[in-house]
Amino acid sequence: MGKINKSGSLFKHTALAAAIAAACTACPVIAQTWNLETKAAQWQPRDSQGQLVFNNSMWILGGWFTSNAAPPRDVWRSNNGKDWELVTADAPWKHSDFPMAVAFKKRMWMMGGWYNGRLPGHEAGNEIWSSEDGAQWKSEGKAAWSPRLAGAIVEFKNKLWIFGGSENYYFGDEKSLKNDVWVSKDGKSWTRVLENAPWAPRAYHQVAVFKGKLYLMAGGNYTPAYQARNDVWVSEDGKNWKQLTEKAPWHERLWFTSAVYRDRLWILGGWSNSPSKNWDDAWYTEDGVKWTQYKSGQAWKERHAQATFVFDDKLWIGGGMTPPLVNDVWSLSLPKKWNPEK
C-alpha cells in the first residue's frame, strides 16, 4: 500500500513539475533593470557632447548648456560611472556642440561640431584635434570635408569614416544637410568615397559597425524645416548601400544614440516633433530589420542627445535633455549569453 502511494505521489509531483516547466516556457522573459549609478555626476548637466571609450575609461568632451553661450570645452573621464575626474576645463578646440569624437590608433579624436549657439560668430567646424591623454590636444589641421556638425563617425576596417551631417545648425536649410561619405587612414587626410549616398541627406543620425558591416539609422533635420526618419541602411564597404527598412517599428527621431552590446545593435532615446517629445525607449536588433523593444522596471527618464557607452561589459547612458538638462548615469548589465528570443 505504501509503495502504491509513493508511486502515485511521485507521478503527481512529476506531472506537476512538467506542467510548471511547460507553463514557464510561455512566460515572458524578466528583463534586467537599469541601474542608477549616480543621480548627479561631477560634470555640469549637458547634452550633445563628444563621447568615447579610451584607455579603460568613459570620456565626455564638451557639449551644450545653452544656445546663448559658447559651448563648454571641458574633458571628463570615469572608470566606474560614479566618480568622474576633470581632466581639463579648457581644451583648445571650440566646436564642441554635436562634434564627432572617436578613439582611433591609440588616440582620442575630436572633429567638426558647432560653435557659439545662436550668437553672432556661430559656425560649424572642420578642425581636427587628437590627444593621448585628454589633457594635451594636438591640432591636426582642417579636414577636406566641409565644416559640419552632427555627422556620424566610426572606425571600420582600420580606417575612420564620416557620414553626412549639417553645415548649419539653426540657420540652414535642406542644402545644409549632407549625404556624403569620407574615409581616412590616419584621421588627418580624408578622401571622399561618395558625394551623394543613396540615403537621404541628414544629420543627428547614427552609424554603427555591427557584424562586420556599417548600419546607418534615422536622423534628419531640426530647424528651420523639421524632418525625421526611422529608416535603416547597411553597407559592407561604405560605398554600396542597401535599405533594410524604410520604417522601423520605433518612431522616427533625431538626437538619439546607438550601441552594439550583447551581439545586438541598439538605439536609445532621442526626440521627435510628431509628436514633440523625448523618448525613453531602447530597441535592439540582430539584423537591422526585426527590432524588439527592451522593457524593464526601473529605467531612465525620457531624454535626447545623451552620452552612450559600452564599457566594463555594460551598456551605459548619461546626461542629456529631459528637460531639464541632467547629469545622471545609468548602466545595464545583461548576461553574456543573453538570448531573450528563446
Protein backbone atom coordinates (compact mmCIF):
# COMPACT_ATOMS: atom_id res chain seq x y z
CA MET A 1 0.00 0.00 0.00
CA GLY A 2 2.81 2.38 0.91
CA LYS A 3 4.58 1.51 -2.30
CA ILE A 4 1.50 2.32 -4.35
CA ASN A 5 1.07 5.68 -2.52
CA LYS A 6 4.69 6.57 -3.14
CA SER A 7 4.30 5.79 -6.83
CA GLY A 8 1.13 7.82 -7.05
CA SER A 9 2.69 10.72 -5.21
CA LEU A 10 5.77 10.60 -7.43
CA PHE A 11 3.57 10.60 -10.51
CA LYS A 12 1.61 13.59 -9.27
CA HIS A 13 4.76 15.57 -8.45
CA THR A 14 6.34 14.69 -11.80
CA ALA A 15 3.21 15.71 -13.66
CA LEU A 16 3.06 18.99 -11.71
CA ALA A 17 6.71 19.75 -12.41
CA ALA A 18 6.18 19.06 -16.11
CA ALA A 19 3.15 21.36 -16.16
CA ILE A 20 5.09 24.16 -14.45
CA ALA A 21 8.01 23.76 -16.86
CA ALA A 22 5.67 23.88 -19.83
CA ALA A 23 3.97 27.00 -18.48
CA CYS A 24 7.32 28.72 -17.83
CA THR A 25 8.37 28.34 -21.46
CA ALA A 26 5.44 30.56 -22.33
CA CYS A 27 6.22 33.13 -19.64
CA PRO A 28 7.80 36.44 -20.75
CA VAL A 29 11.48 36.87 -20.07
CA ILE A 30 12.06 39.01 -16.97
CA ALA A 31 14.28 41.86 -18.14
CA GLN A 32 17.20 43.14 -16.13
CA THR A 33 16.60 46.68 -14.91
CA TRP A 34 18.78 49.69 -15.49
CA ASN A 35 20.95 50.57 -12.52
CA LEU A 36 21.25 54.19 -11.42
CA GLU A 37 24.99 54.66 -10.85
CA THR A 38 24.70 58.29 -9.79
CA LYS A 39 21.95 60.89 -9.73
CA ALA A 40 24.44 63.69 -10.27
CA ALA A 41 27.85 63.21 -11.83
CA GLN A 42 30.57 65.80 -11.16
CA TRP A 43 30.18 67.34 -14.62
CA GLN A 44 27.57 70.03 -15.24
CA PRO A 45 24.31 68.73 -16.81
CA ARG A 46 24.57 68.81 -20.59
CA ASP A 47 23.76 67.18 -23.89
CA SER A 48 25.27 66.92 -27.39
CA GLN A 49 28.76 66.13 -26.07
CA GLY A 50 31.58 64.19 -27.65
CA GLN A 51 31.71 60.69 -26.15
CA LEU A 52 34.03 57.71 -26.41
CA VAL A 53 35.75 54.87 -24.55
CA PHE A 54 39.52 55.12 -24.33
CA ASN A 55 42.24 53.77 -22.03
CA ASN A 56 39.83 51.89 -19.78
CA SER A 57 37.62 54.93 -19.18
CA MET A 58 34.47 56.59 -20.44
CA TRP A 59 35.07 60.12 -21.70
CA ILE A 60 32.85 63.18 -22.12
CA LEU A 61 34.08 66.08 -24.25
CA GLY A 62 32.35 69.45 -24.25
CA GLY A 63 28.67 69.54 -25.25
CA TRP A 64 25.83 72.06 -24.90
CA PHE A 65 24.49 74.10 -21.97
CA THR A 66 22.54 76.83 -23.77
CA SER A 67 22.18 78.35 -27.24
CA ASN A 68 23.10 81.75 -25.81
CA ALA A 69 26.71 80.95 -24.91
CA ALA A 70 29.75 79.26 -26.39
CA PRO A 71 29.78 75.51 -25.71
CA PRO A 72 31.90 74.08 -22.88
CA ARG A 73 35.47 72.92 -23.53
CA ASP A 74 35.90 70.61 -20.56
CA VAL A 75 37.02 66.96 -20.63
CA TRP A 76 35.88 64.35 -18.09
CA ARG A 77 36.62 60.67 -17.59
CA SER A 78 35.44 57.83 -15.36
CA ASN A 79 36.26 54.15 -14.97
CA ASN A 80 33.17 53.30 -12.90
CA GLY A 81 30.40 55.72 -13.98
CA LYS A 82 30.04 57.12 -10.45
CA ASP A 83 33.25 59.05 -9.96
CA TRP A 84 34.28 61.48 -12.71
CA GLU A 85 37.61 63.28 -12.98
CA LEU A 86 38.02 66.67 -14.62
CA VAL A 87 40.97 66.22 -16.99
CA THR A 88 40.91 69.77 -18.32
CA ALA A 89 38.44 72.64 -18.11
CA ASP A 90 39.75 74.46 -21.17
CA ALA A 91 40.63 72.25 -24.14
CA PRO A 92 41.85 74.14 -27.24
CA TRP A 93 39.02 73.01 -29.51
CA LYS A 94 35.86 75.15 -29.51
CA HIS A 95 33.32 73.42 -31.79
CA SER A 96 32.11 71.05 -29.08
CA ASP A 97 28.33 71.09 -29.69
CA PHE A 98 27.49 67.91 -31.63
CA PRO A 99 31.12 67.18 -32.54
CA MET A 100 32.37 63.89 -33.95
CA ALA A 101 34.57 62.05 -31.44
CA VAL A 102 36.18 58.62 -31.65
CA ALA A 103 39.09 56.55 -30.34
CA PHE A 104 41.49 55.56 -33.13
CA LYS A 105 45.11 54.43 -33.29
CA LYS A 106 45.73 54.90 -29.55
CA ARG A 107 44.48 58.47 -29.57
CA MET A 108 41.25 60.33 -28.98
CA TRP A 109 39.98 62.36 -31.92
CA MET A 110 37.66 65.37 -31.86
CA MET A 111 36.50 67.00 -35.09
CA GLY A 112 33.70 69.04 -36.63
CA GLY A 113 30.92 70.37 -34.39
CA TRP A 114 29.11 73.66 -33.79
CA TYR A 115 30.30 76.81 -32.01
CA ASN A 116 28.52 79.73 -30.32
CA GLY A 117 24.92 78.54 -30.46
CA ARG A 118 22.61 81.23 -31.88
CA LEU A 119 25.03 84.05 -31.07
CA PRO A 120 26.95 86.17 -33.59
CA GLY A 121 30.02 84.34 -34.78
CA HIS A 122 28.27 80.96 -34.76
CA GLU A 123 29.75 78.42 -37.14
CA ALA A 124 30.33 74.78 -37.93
CA GLY A 125 33.89 73.49 -37.91
CA ASN A 126 36.13 71.05 -39.73
CA GLU A 127 39.10 71.31 -37.38
CA ILE A 128 40.75 68.05 -36.33
CA TRP A 129 42.24 67.53 -32.87
CA SER A 130 43.82 64.47 -31.25
CA SER A 131 45.06 63.56 -27.78
CA GLU A 132 46.78 60.72 -25.97
CA ASP A 133 45.57 61.73 -22.51
CA GLY A 134 42.66 64.18 -22.83
CA ALA A 135 44.70 66.99 -21.25
CA GLN A 136 47.07 67.86 -24.09
CA TRP A 137 45.47 68.24 -27.53
CA LYS A 138 47.28 68.48 -30.85
CA SER A 139 45.87 70.33 -33.84
CA GLU A 140 45.87 68.05 -36.88
CA GLY A 141 44.76 70.79 -39.29
CA LYS A 142 41.45 71.03 -41.11
CA ALA A 143 39.62 68.23 -42.89
CA ALA A 144 38.92 68.11 -46.62
CA TRP A 145 35.21 67.76 -45.88
CA SER A 146 33.12 70.89 -45.40
CA PRO A 147 32.58 72.28 -41.87
CA ARG A 148 29.72 70.41 -40.22
CA LEU A 149 28.12 69.17 -37.03
CA ALA A 150 26.20 66.04 -36.11
CA GLY A 151 27.72 63.76 -38.70
CA ALA A 152 28.43 60.14 -37.79
CA ILE A 153 31.96 58.85 -37.28
CA VAL A 154 33.14 55.25 -36.77
CA GLU A 155 36.23 53.12 -37.13
CA PHE A 156 35.66 50.48 -39.81
CA LYS A 157 38.24 48.18 -41.39
CA ASN A 158 41.07 50.06 -39.64
CA LYS A 159 40.03 53.42 -41.06
CA LEU A 160 37.92 56.34 -39.89
CA TRP A 161 34.69 57.01 -41.74
CA ILE A 162 32.38 60.06 -41.66
CA PHE A 163 28.80 60.09 -42.91
CA GLY A 164 26.67 63.16 -43.57
CA GLY A 165 25.89 65.90 -41.06
CA SER A 166 24.71 69.51 -41.32
CA GLU A 167 26.72 72.57 -42.28
CA ASN A 168 24.43 74.90 -40.30
CA TYR A 169 22.64 74.09 -37.04
CA TYR A 170 19.97 76.79 -36.51
CA PHE A 171 20.16 78.88 -39.65
CA GLY A 172 20.50 76.46 -42.55
CA ASP A 173 18.10 74.78 -44.95
CA GLU A 174 17.88 71.47 -46.78
CA LYS A 175 21.00 72.38 -48.72
CA SER A 176 22.91 72.39 -45.43
CA LEU A 177 22.31 68.66 -44.99
CA LYS A 178 24.89 66.23 -46.33
CA ASN A 179 24.82 62.62 -47.50
CA ASP A 180 28.48 62.32 -48.41
CA VAL A 181 30.88 59.64 -47.16
CA TRP A 182 34.55 60.23 -46.32
CA VAL A 183 37.36 57.91 -45.25
CA SER A 184 40.78 58.39 -43.63
CA LYS A 185 43.68 56.06 -42.88
CA ASP A 186 45.22 58.37 -40.29
CA GLY A 187 42.46 60.72 -39.10
CA LYS A 188 44.12 63.70 -40.83
CA SER A 189 43.92 63.18 -44.58
CA TRP A 190 40.42 62.48 -45.89
CA THR A 191 39.19 61.05 -49.20
CA ARG A 192 35.62 61.35 -50.41
CA VAL A 193 34.06 57.97 -51.15
CA LEU A 194 30.61 59.24 -52.13
CA GLU A 195 29.33 62.73 -52.81
CA ASN A 196 25.72 61.59 -52.63
CA ALA A 197 24.94 58.28 -50.94
CA PRO A 198 21.56 56.67 -51.73
CA TRP A 199 20.25 57.52 -48.27
CA ALA A 200 18.73 60.99 -47.94
CA PRO A 201 20.88 63.88 -46.68
CA ARG A 202 20.69 64.08 -42.89
CA ALA A 203 22.20 64.97 -39.53
CA TYR A 204 21.58 63.71 -35.99
CA HIS A 205 21.66 60.13 -37.27
CA GLN A 206 23.72 57.17 -36.10
CA VAL A 207 26.12 54.79 -37.82
CA ALA A 208 27.38 51.66 -36.07
CA VAL A 209 29.71 48.82 -37.02
CA PHE A 210 27.81 45.60 -36.44
CA LYS A 211 28.70 42.08 -37.61
CA GLY A 212 31.37 43.46 -39.93
CA LYS A 213 29.03 45.89 -41.68
CA LEU A 214 28.02 49.54 -41.45
CA TYR A 215 24.48 50.29 -40.29
CA LEU A 216 23.03 53.79 -40.75
CA MET A 217 19.84 54.72 -38.92
CA ALA A 218 17.28 57.53 -38.70
CA GLY A 219 18.17 61.21 -38.26
CA GLY A 220 17.04 64.17 -40.37
CA ASN A 221 16.98 67.90 -39.60
CA TYR A 222 15.94 70.04 -36.63
CA THR A 223 15.34 73.54 -37.96
CA PRO A 224 14.15 75.50 -39.86
CA ALA A 225 12.31 72.63 -41.58
CA TYR A 226 11.95 69.63 -39.27
CA GLN A 227 12.29 66.19 -40.79
CA ALA A 228 12.99 62.83 -39.21
CA ARG A 229 13.26 59.25 -40.35
CA ASN A 230 13.25 55.73 -38.99
CA ASP A 231 14.92 54.01 -41.92
CA VAL A 232 17.84 51.58 -41.69
CA TRP A 233 20.61 51.09 -44.29
CA VAL A 234 23.52 48.67 -44.46
CA SER A 235 26.85 48.61 -46.32
CA GLU A 236 29.77 46.20 -46.46
CA ASP A 237 32.22 48.75 -47.86
CA GLY A 238 30.89 52.27 -47.17
CA LYS A 239 30.20 52.83 -50.85
CA ASN A 240 27.42 50.44 -51.75
CA TRP A 241 24.31 50.77 -49.61
CA LYS A 242 21.13 48.75 -49.26
CA GLN A 243 17.97 49.90 -47.49
CA LEU A 244 16.87 47.27 -45.00
CA THR A 245 13.67 49.03 -44.00
CA GLU A 246 12.06 52.36 -44.77
CA LYS A 247 10.19 52.36 -41.48
CA ALA A 248 11.49 50.51 -38.43
CA PRO A 249 8.93 49.85 -35.65
CA TRP A 250 10.38 52.60 -33.47
CA HIS A 251 9.22 56.18 -34.03
CA GLU A 252 11.24 58.38 -36.36
CA ARG A 253 13.68 60.51 -34.40
CA LEU A 254 16.67 62.82 -34.10
CA TRP A 255 19.25 63.16 -31.31
CA PHE A 256 19.25 59.50 -30.29
CA THR A 257 22.24 57.26 -29.62
CA SER A 258 23.25 53.75 -30.67
CA ALA A 259 25.50 50.98 -29.40
CA VAL A 260 26.50 47.40 -30.08
CA TYR A 261 26.01 45.27 -26.99
CA ARG A 262 25.46 41.54 -26.45
CA ASP A 263 25.69 40.80 -30.17
CA ARG A 264 22.86 43.17 -30.95
CA LEU A 265 22.55 46.65 -32.36
CA TRP A 266 20.74 49.09 -30.06
CA ILE A 267 19.13 52.53 -30.35
CA LEU A 268 18.26 54.58 -27.27
CA GLY A 269 16.20 57.68 -26.57
CA GLY A 270 16.00 60.68 -28.87
CA TRP A 271 13.48 63.33 -29.85
CA SER A 272 10.81 63.76 -32.47
CA ASN A 273 8.45 66.56 -33.42
CA SER A 274 5.46 64.48 -34.45
CA PRO A 275 4.52 64.43 -31.64
CA SER A 276 7.00 66.77 -29.97
CA LYS A 277 8.51 64.58 -27.30
CA ASN A 278 11.59 62.93 -25.93
CA TRP A 279 11.77 59.15 -25.94
CA ASP A 280 12.62 56.78 -23.09
CA ASP A 281 12.75 53.62 -25.18
CA ALA A 282 15.53 51.19 -26.07
CA TRP A 283 15.33 48.84 -29.05
CA TYR A 284 17.65 46.09 -30.27
CA THR A 285 18.06 44.01 -33.41
CA GLU A 286 20.13 41.14 -34.75
CA ASP A 287 19.69 42.02 -38.42
CA GLY A 288 18.54 45.65 -38.73
CA VAL A 289 15.11 44.55 -39.92
CA LYS A 290 13.41 42.93 -36.95
CA TRP A 291 13.53 45.18 -33.87
CA THR A 292 12.44 44.42 -30.30
CA GLN A 293 11.80 46.98 -27.58
CA TYR A 294 13.72 46.34 -24.38
CA LYS A 295 11.36 46.79 -21.46
CA SER A 296 12.44 46.74 -17.84
CA GLY A 297 11.27 48.01 -14.49
CA GLN A 298 13.47 50.85 -13.29
CA ALA A 299 14.79 52.86 -16.19
CA TRP A 300 15.98 56.31 -17.12
CA LYS A 301 13.69 59.23 -17.85
CA GLU A 302 12.95 60.15 -21.47
CA ARG A 303 15.73 62.27 -23.00
CA HIS A 304 17.72 63.18 -26.07
CA ALA A 305 21.36 63.76 -27.02
CA GLN A 306 22.64 61.76 -24.06
CA ALA A 307 26.05 60.08 -23.85
CA THR A 308 26.12 56.34 -24.53
CA PHE A 309 28.95 53.89 -23.95
CA VAL A 310 29.69 50.17 -23.98
CA PHE A 311 32.19 49.75 -21.18
CA ASP A 312 33.11 47.22 -18.49
CA ASP A 313 30.74 44.68 -20.07
CA LYS A 314 27.77 47.03 -19.60
CA LEU A 315 25.66 49.42 -21.63
CA TRP A 316 25.71 52.97 -20.24
CA ILE A 317 23.86 56.24 -20.74
CA GLY A 318 24.45 59.58 -19.03
CA GLY A 319 23.16 63.12 -19.15
CA GLY A 320 21.03 64.55 -21.94
CA MET A 321 18.00 66.80 -22.13
CA THR A 322 14.79 65.58 -20.48
CA PRO A 323 14.13 68.63 -19.91
CA PRO A 324 15.89 69.93 -17.93
CA LEU A 325 19.45 69.01 -18.72
CA VAL A 326 20.58 66.19 -16.43
CA ASN A 327 23.82 64.55 -15.31
CA ASP A 328 22.62 61.19 -14.06
CA VAL A 329 24.39 58.00 -15.16
CA TRP A 330 22.76 54.60 -15.70
CA SER A 331 24.08 51.15 -16.62
CA LEU A 332 22.56 47.93 -17.90
CA SER A 333 24.28 44.59 -17.32
CA LEU A 334 22.98 41.64 -19.34
CA PRO A 335 24.24 38.02 -19.11
CA LYS A 336 26.99 37.16 -21.56
CA LYS A 337 24.76 34.54 -23.19
CA TRP A 338 21.68 36.76 -23.08
CA ASN A 339 19.13 35.42 -25.53
CA PRO A 340 15.65 36.89 -24.96
CA GLU A 341 14.36 35.29 -28.14
CA LYS A 342 14.39 31.85 -26.51
